[in-house]
PDB file of N, CA and C in Angstrom:
ATOM      1  N   MET A   1     142.983 -54.451 103.996  1.00  0.00           N
ATOM      2  CA  MET A   1     141.582 -54.388 103.649  1.00  0.00           C
ATOM      3  C   MET A   1     140.932 -53.215 104.379  1.00  0.00           C
ATOM      4  N   LYS A   2     140.116 -52.459 103.674  1.00  0.00           N
ATOM      5  CA  LYS A   2     139.471 -51.283 104.239  1.00  0.00           C
ATOM      6  C   LYS A   2     138.365 -51.701 105.206  1.00  0.00           C
ATOM      7  N   GLU A   3     138.351 -51.039 106.363  1.00  0.00           N
ATOM      8  CA  GLU A   3     137.333 -51.323 107.376  1.00  0.00           C
ATOM      9  C   GLU A   3     135.991 -50.719 106.954  1.00  0.00           C
ATOM     10  N   VAL A   4     134.928 -51.468 107.156  1.00  0.00           N
ATOM     11  CA  VAL A   4     133.590 -51.000 106.814  1.00  0.00           C
ATOM     12  C   VAL A   4     133.089 -50.100 107.936  1.00  0.00           C
ATOM     13  N   ASP A   5     132.611 -48.916 107.559  1.00  0.00           N
ATOM     14  CA  ASP A   5     132.106 -47.953 108.529  1.00  0.00           C
ATOM     15  C   ASP A   5     130.732 -48.380 109.036  1.00  0.00           C
ATOM     16  N   GLU A   6     130.525 -48.228 110.326  1.00  0.00           N
ATOM     17  CA  GLU A   6     129.239 -48.575 110.928  1.00  0.00           C
ATOM     18  C   GLU A   6     128.135 -47.691 110.351  1.00  0.00           C
ATOM     19  N   ARG A   7     126.993 -48.316 110.058  1.00  0.00           N
ATOM     20  CA  ARG A   7     125.826 -47.570 109.576  1.00  0.00           C
ATOM     21  C   ARG A   7     124.790 -47.506 110.693  1.00  0.00           C
ATOM     22  N   ILE A   8     124.230 -46.322 110.880  1.00  0.00           N
ATOM     23  CA  ILE A   8     123.204 -46.123 111.902  1.00  0.00           C
ATOM     24  C   ILE A   8     121.859 -46.004 111.197  1.00  0.00           C
ATOM     25  N   PRO A   9     120.895 -46.854 111.548  1.00  0.00           N
ATOM     26  CA  PRO A   9     119.581 -46.789 110.903  1.00  0.00           C
ATOM     27  C   PRO A   9     118.841 -45.493 111.250  1.00  0.00           C
ATOM     28  N   LYS A  10     118.010 -45.059 110.330  1.00  0.00           N
ATOM     29  CA  LYS A  10     117.210 -43.846 110.524  1.00  0.00           C
ATOM     30  C   LYS A  10     116.463 -43.891 111.855  1.00  0.00           C
ATOM     31  N   LYS A  11     115.873 -45.015 112.164  1.00  0.00           N
ATOM     32  CA  LYS A  11     115.097 -45.166 113.405  1.00  0.00           C
ATOM     33  C   LYS A  11     115.949 -44.841 114.633  1.00  0.00           C
ATOM     34  N   GLU A  12     117.203 -45.271 114.612  1.00  0.00           N
ATOM     35  CA  GLU A  12     118.103 -44.999 115.731  1.00  0.00           C
ATOM     36  C   GLU A  12     118.480 -43.518 115.783  1.00  0.00           C
ATOM     37  N   ILE A  13     118.658 -42.891 114.623  1.00  0.00           N
ATOM     38  CA  ILE A  13     118.952 -41.449 114.568  1.00  0.00           C
ATOM     39  C   ILE A  13     117.797 -40.667 115.197  1.00  0.00           C
ATOM     40  N   LEU A  14     116.553 -41.047 114.842  1.00  0.00           N
ATOM     41  CA  LEU A  14     115.376 -40.376 115.402  1.00  0.00           C
ATOM     42  C   LEU A  14     115.396 -40.458 116.927  1.00  0.00           C
ATOM     43  N   LYS A  15     115.724 -41.630 117.438  1.00  0.00           N
ATOM     44  CA  LYS A  15     115.759 -41.851 118.886  1.00  0.00           C
ATOM     45  C   LYS A  15     116.915 -41.080 119.535  1.00  0.00           C
ATOM     46  N   MET A  16     118.093 -41.105 118.914  1.00  0.00           N
ATOM     47  CA  MET A  16     119.278 -40.435 119.451  1.00  0.00           C
ATOM     48  C   MET A  16     119.051 -38.942 119.653  1.00  0.00           C
ATOM     49  N   TYR A  17     118.404 -38.319 118.665  1.00  0.00           N
ATOM     50  CA  TYR A  17     118.228 -36.870 118.694  1.00  0.00           C
ATOM     51  C   TYR A  17     116.851 -36.437 119.189  1.00  0.00           C
ATOM     52  N   GLY A  18     115.965 -37.399 119.430  1.00  0.00           N
ATOM     53  CA  GLY A  18     114.620 -37.071 119.897  1.00  0.00           C
ATOM     54  C   GLY A  18     113.829 -36.282 118.868  1.00  0.00           C
ATOM     55  N   ILE A  19     113.961 -36.690 117.598  1.00  0.00           N
ATOM     56  CA  ILE A  19     113.285 -35.987 116.507  1.00  0.00           C
ATOM     57  C   ILE A  19     112.287 -36.916 115.822  1.00  0.00           C
ATOM     58  N   ASP A  20     111.425 -36.326 114.997  1.00  0.00           N
ATOM     59  CA  ASP A  20     110.478 -37.133 114.226  1.00  0.00           C
ATOM     60  C   ASP A  20     110.964 -37.252 112.779  1.00  0.00           C
ATOM     61  N   ARG A  21     110.214 -38.003 111.977  1.00  0.00           N
ATOM     62  CA  ARG A  21     110.607 -38.240 110.579  1.00  0.00           C
ATOM     63  C   ARG A  21     110.678 -36.948 109.783  1.00  0.00           C
ATOM     64  N   THR A  22     109.761 -36.025 110.051  1.00  0.00           N
ATOM     65  CA  THR A  22     109.747 -34.759 109.318  1.00  0.00           C
ATOM     66  C   THR A  22     111.031 -33.975 109.564  1.00  0.00           C
ATOM     67  N   THR A  23     111.441 -33.901 110.815  1.00  0.00           N
ATOM     68  CA  THR A  23     112.683 -33.199 111.151  1.00  0.00           C
ATOM     69  C   THR A  23     113.877 -33.883 110.503  1.00  0.00           C
ATOM     70  N   PHE A  24     113.894 -35.203 110.518  1.00  0.00           N
ATOM     71  CA  PHE A  24     114.978 -35.952 109.875  1.00  0.00           C
ATOM     72  C   PHE A  24     115.079 -35.566 108.402  1.00  0.00           C
ATOM     73  N   GLU A  25     113.952 -35.567 107.708  1.00  0.00           N
ATOM     74  CA  GLU A  25     113.948 -35.235 106.279  1.00  0.00           C
ATOM     75  C   GLU A  25     114.371 -33.789 106.041  1.00  0.00           C
ATOM     76  N   LEU A  26     114.003 -32.874 106.940  1.00  0.00           N
ATOM     77  CA  LEU A  26     114.451 -31.480 106.827  1.00  0.00           C
ATOM     78  C   LEU A  26     115.963 -31.383 107.003  1.00  0.00           C
ATOM     79  N   TRP A  27     116.496 -32.138 107.947  1.00  0.00           N
ATOM     80  CA  TRP A  27     117.941 -32.139 108.149  1.00  0.00           C
ATOM     81  C   TRP A  27     118.659 -32.640 106.902  1.00  0.00           C
ATOM     82  N   VAL A  28     118.096 -33.636 106.257  1.00  0.00           N
ATOM     83  CA  VAL A  28     118.698 -34.164 105.027  1.00  0.00           C
ATOM     84  C   VAL A  28     118.645 -33.099 103.938  1.00  0.00           C
ATOM     85  N   LYS A  29     117.484 -32.511 103.756  1.00  0.00           N
ATOM     86  CA  LYS A  29     117.257 -31.564 102.656  1.00  0.00           C
ATOM     87  C   LYS A  29     117.904 -30.199 102.896  1.00  0.00           C
ATOM     88  N   GLU A  30     117.757 -29.666 104.109  1.00  0.00           N
ATOM     89  CA  GLU A  30     118.185 -28.294 104.367  1.00  0.00           C
ATOM     90  C   GLU A  30     119.536 -28.173 105.067  1.00  0.00           C
ATOM     91  N   ARG A  31     119.930 -29.198 105.782  1.00  0.00           N
ATOM     92  CA  ARG A  31     121.191 -29.125 106.531  1.00  0.00           C
ATOM     93  C   ARG A  31     122.243 -30.102 106.025  1.00  0.00           C
ATOM     94  N   GLY A  32     121.899 -30.845 104.978  1.00  0.00           N
ATOM     95  CA  GLY A  32     122.884 -31.703 104.338  1.00  0.00           C
ATOM     96  C   GLY A  32     123.273 -32.963 105.087  1.00  0.00           C
ATOM     97  N   LEU A  33     122.373 -33.490 105.922  1.00  0.00           N
ATOM     98  CA  LEU A  33     122.667 -34.755 106.603  1.00  0.00           C
ATOM     99  C   LEU A  33     122.860 -35.840 105.545  1.00  0.00           C
ATOM    100  N   PRO A  34     124.049 -36.456 105.497  1.00  0.00           N
ATOM    101  CA  PRO A  34     124.333 -37.447 104.454  1.00  0.00           C
ATOM    102  C   PRO A  34     123.673 -38.799 104.744  1.00  0.00           C
ATOM    103  N   VAL A  35     122.758 -39.202 103.880  1.00  0.00           N
ATOM    104  CA  VAL A  35     121.974 -40.419 104.086  1.00  0.00           C
ATOM    105  C   VAL A  35     122.232 -41.421 102.971  1.00  0.00           C
ATOM    106  N   ILE A  36     122.306 -42.681 103.348  1.00  0.00           N
ATOM    107  CA  ILE A  36     122.346 -43.781 102.384  1.00  0.00           C
ATOM    108  C   ILE A  36     120.926 -44.312 102.313  1.00  0.00           C
ATOM    109  N   GLU A  37     120.313 -44.211 101.138  1.00  0.00           N
ATOM    110  CA  GLU A  37     118.935 -44.675 100.986  1.00  0.00           C
ATOM    111  C   GLU A  37     118.931 -45.960 100.169  1.00  0.00           C
ATOM    112  N   ILE A  38     118.657 -47.068 100.846  1.00  0.00           N
ATOM    113  CA  ILE A  38     118.583 -48.370 100.198  1.00  0.00           C
ATOM    114  C   ILE A  38     117.229 -48.506  99.509  1.00  0.00           C
ATOM    115  N   SER A  39     116.185 -48.075 100.209  1.00  0.00           N
ATOM    116  CA  SER A  39     114.823 -48.011  99.673  1.00  0.00           C
ATOM    117  C   SER A  39     114.097 -46.921 100.458  1.00  0.00           C
ATOM    118  N   THR A  40     112.834 -46.661 100.124  1.00  0.00           N
ATOM    119  CA  THR A  40     112.104 -45.620 100.853  1.00  0.00           C
ATOM    120  C   THR A  40     111.942 -45.962 102.328  1.00  0.00           C
ATOM    121  N   HIS A  41     112.054 -47.230 102.670  1.00  0.00           N
ATOM    122  CA  HIS A  41     111.890 -47.664 104.059  1.00  0.00           C
ATOM    123  C   HIS A  41     113.200 -48.097 104.705  1.00  0.00           C
ATOM    124  N   SER A  42     114.300 -47.883 104.029  1.00  0.00           N
ATOM    125  CA  SER A  42     115.590 -48.326 104.542  1.00  0.00           C
ATOM    126  C   SER A  42     116.640 -47.236 104.320  1.00  0.00           C
ATOM    127  N   LYS A  43     116.858 -46.425 105.369  1.00  0.00           N
ATOM    128  CA  LYS A  43     117.806 -45.316 105.286  1.00  0.00           C
ATOM    129  C   LYS A  43     118.802 -45.421 106.431  1.00  0.00           C
ATOM    130  N   TYR A  44     120.029 -45.073 106.126  1.00  0.00           N
ATOM    131  CA  TYR A  44     121.118 -45.160 107.093  1.00  0.00           C
ATOM    132  C   TYR A  44     122.007 -43.932 106.991  1.00  0.00           C
ATOM    133  N   VAL A  45     122.756 -43.684 108.078  1.00  0.00           N
ATOM    134  CA  VAL A  45     123.795 -42.662 108.083  1.00  0.00           C
ATOM    135  C   VAL A  45     125.067 -43.343 108.575  1.00  0.00           C
ATOM    136  N   ARG A  46     126.161 -43.166 107.840  1.00  0.00           N
ATOM    137  CA  ARG A  46     127.440 -43.715 108.307  1.00  0.00           C
ATOM    138  C   ARG A  46     127.867 -42.958 109.560  1.00  0.00           C
ATOM    139  N   LYS A  47     128.379 -43.682 110.518  1.00  0.00           N
ATOM    140  CA  LYS A  47     128.799 -43.068 111.781  1.00  0.00           C
ATOM    141  C   LYS A  47     129.818 -41.956 111.542  1.00  0.00           C
ATOM    142  N   SER A  48     130.792 -42.203 110.687  1.00  0.00           N
ATOM    143  CA  SER A  48     131.816 -41.187 110.414  1.00  0.00           C
ATOM    144  C   SER A  48     131.207 -39.958 109.734  1.00  0.00           C
ATOM    145  N   ASP A  49     130.219 -40.166 108.853  1.00  0.00           N
ATOM    146  CA  ASP A  49     129.540 -39.042 108.201  1.00  0.00           C
ATOM    147  C   ASP A  49     128.746 -38.230 109.213  1.00  0.00           C
ATOM    148  N   LEU A  50     128.122 -38.917 110.169  1.00  0.00           N
ATOM    149  CA  LEU A  50     127.340 -38.228 111.195  1.00  0.00           C
ATOM    150  C   LEU A  50     128.247 -37.350 112.057  1.00  0.00           C
ATOM    151  N   ILE A  51     129.395 -37.875 112.429  1.00  0.00           N
ATOM    152  CA  ILE A  51     130.352 -37.106 113.233  1.00  0.00           C
ATOM    153  C   ILE A  51     130.832 -35.886 112.453  1.00  0.00           C
ATOM    154  N   ASP A  52     131.194 -36.074 111.191  1.00  0.00           N
ATOM    155  CA  ASP A  52     131.633 -34.955 110.347  1.00  0.00           C
ATOM    156  C   ASP A  52     130.533 -33.913 110.201  1.00  0.00           C
ATOM    157  N   TRP A  53     129.294 -34.373 110.005  1.00  0.00           N
ATOM    158  CA  TRP A  53     128.149 -33.475 109.845  1.00  0.00           C
ATOM    159  C   TRP A  53     127.943 -32.644 111.110  1.00  0.00           C
ATOM    160  N   GLU A  54     127.988 -33.306 112.273  1.00  0.00           N
ATOM    161  CA  GLU A  54     127.830 -32.595 113.545  1.00  0.00           C
ATOM    162  C   GLU A  54     128.928 -31.550 113.726  1.00  0.00           C
ATOM    163  N   GLU A  55     130.171 -31.932 113.435  1.00  0.00           N
ATOM    164  CA  GLU A  55     131.289 -30.999 113.581  1.00  0.00           C
ATOM    165  C   GLU A  55     131.130 -29.806 112.650  1.00  0.00           C
ATOM    166  N   GLY A  56     130.637 -30.052 111.441  1.00  0.00           N
ATOM    167  CA  GLY A  56     130.389 -28.962 110.498  1.00  0.00           C
ATOM    168  C   GLY A  56     129.354 -27.988 111.025  1.00  0.00           C
ATOM    169  N   LEU A  57     128.294 -28.508 111.640  1.00  0.00           N
ATOM    170  CA  LEU A  57     127.262 -27.637 112.217  1.00  0.00           C
ATOM    171  C   LEU A  57     127.826 -26.809 113.366  1.00  0.00           C
ATOM    172  N   ILE A  58     128.677 -27.421 114.166  1.00  0.00           N
ATOM    173  CA  ILE A  58     129.295 -26.701 115.287  1.00  0.00           C
ATOM    174  C   ILE A  58     130.151 -25.561 114.758  1.00  0.00           C
ATOM    175  N   HIS A  59     130.960 -25.828 113.731  1.00  0.00           N
ATOM    176  CA  HIS A  59     131.812 -24.781 113.157  1.00  0.00           C
ATOM    177  C   HIS A  59     130.980 -23.667 112.539  1.00  0.00           C
ATOM    178  N   GLN A  60     129.896 -24.019 111.845  1.00  0.00           N
ATOM    179  CA  GLN A  60     129.016 -23.001 111.262  1.00  0.00           C
ATOM    180  C   GLN A  60     128.462 -22.094 112.352  1.00  0.00           C
ATOM    181  N   ARG A  61     128.041 -22.695 113.450  1.00  0.00           N
ATOM    182  CA  ARG A  61     127.473 -21.907 114.556  1.00  0.00           C
ATOM    183  C   ARG A  61     128.518 -20.980 115.155  1.00  0.00           C
ATOM    184  N   ILE A  62     129.719 -21.478 115.351  1.00  0.00           N
ATOM    185  CA  ILE A  62     130.801 -20.655 115.908  1.00  0.00           C
ATOM    186  C   ILE A  62     131.094 -19.483 114.983  1.00  0.00           C
ATOM    187  N   PHE A  63     131.206 -19.741 113.676  1.00  0.00           N
ATOM    188  CA  PHE A  63     131.491 -18.672 112.719  1.00  0.00           C
ATOM    189  C   PHE A  63     130.384 -17.627 112.704  1.00  0.00           C
ATOM    190  N   ARG A  64     129.124 -18.083 112.783  1.00  0.00           N
ATOM    191  CA  ARG A  64     127.991 -17.148 112.827  1.00  0.00           C
ATOM    192  C   ARG A  64     128.078 -16.259 114.061  1.00  0.00           C
ATOM    193  N   GLU A  65     128.375 -16.881 115.198  1.00  0.00           N
ATOM    194  CA  GLU A  65     128.462 -16.120 116.445  1.00  0.00           C
ATOM    195  C   GLU A  65     129.615 -15.123 116.422  1.00  0.00           C
ATOM    196  N   LEU A  66     130.691 -15.475 115.718  1.00  0.00           N
ATOM    197  CA  LEU A  66     131.842 -14.579 115.611  1.00  0.00           C
ATOM    198  C   LEU A  66     131.662 -13.538 114.506  1.00  0.00           C
ATOM    199  N   GLY A  67     130.642 -13.724 113.685  1.00  0.00           N
ATOM    200  CA  GLY A  67     130.401 -12.794 112.581  1.00  0.00           C
ATOM    201  C   GLY A  67     131.355 -12.987 111.416  1.00  0.00           C
ATOM    202  N   VAL A  68     131.881 -14.188 111.283  1.00  0.00           N
ATOM    203  CA  VAL A  68     132.836 -14.497 110.202  1.00  0.00           C
ATOM    204  C   VAL A  68     132.086 -14.906 108.965  1.00  0.00           C
TER     205      VAL A  68
END
């Protein structure tokens, strides 16, 4: 049986990164933060998706710095 991935609520993401709702929405729209939207007041990010997203941003930054 496939293990269910932990979901992190939007509110917890805001607290983890010290950001506000506007920044969260910009990250979703402009930086591709993968969000599960149950309703307008219920949004989550899968833990594994968050880790992948962070790693992608790190690689993008490294490539930019290297001029690749």
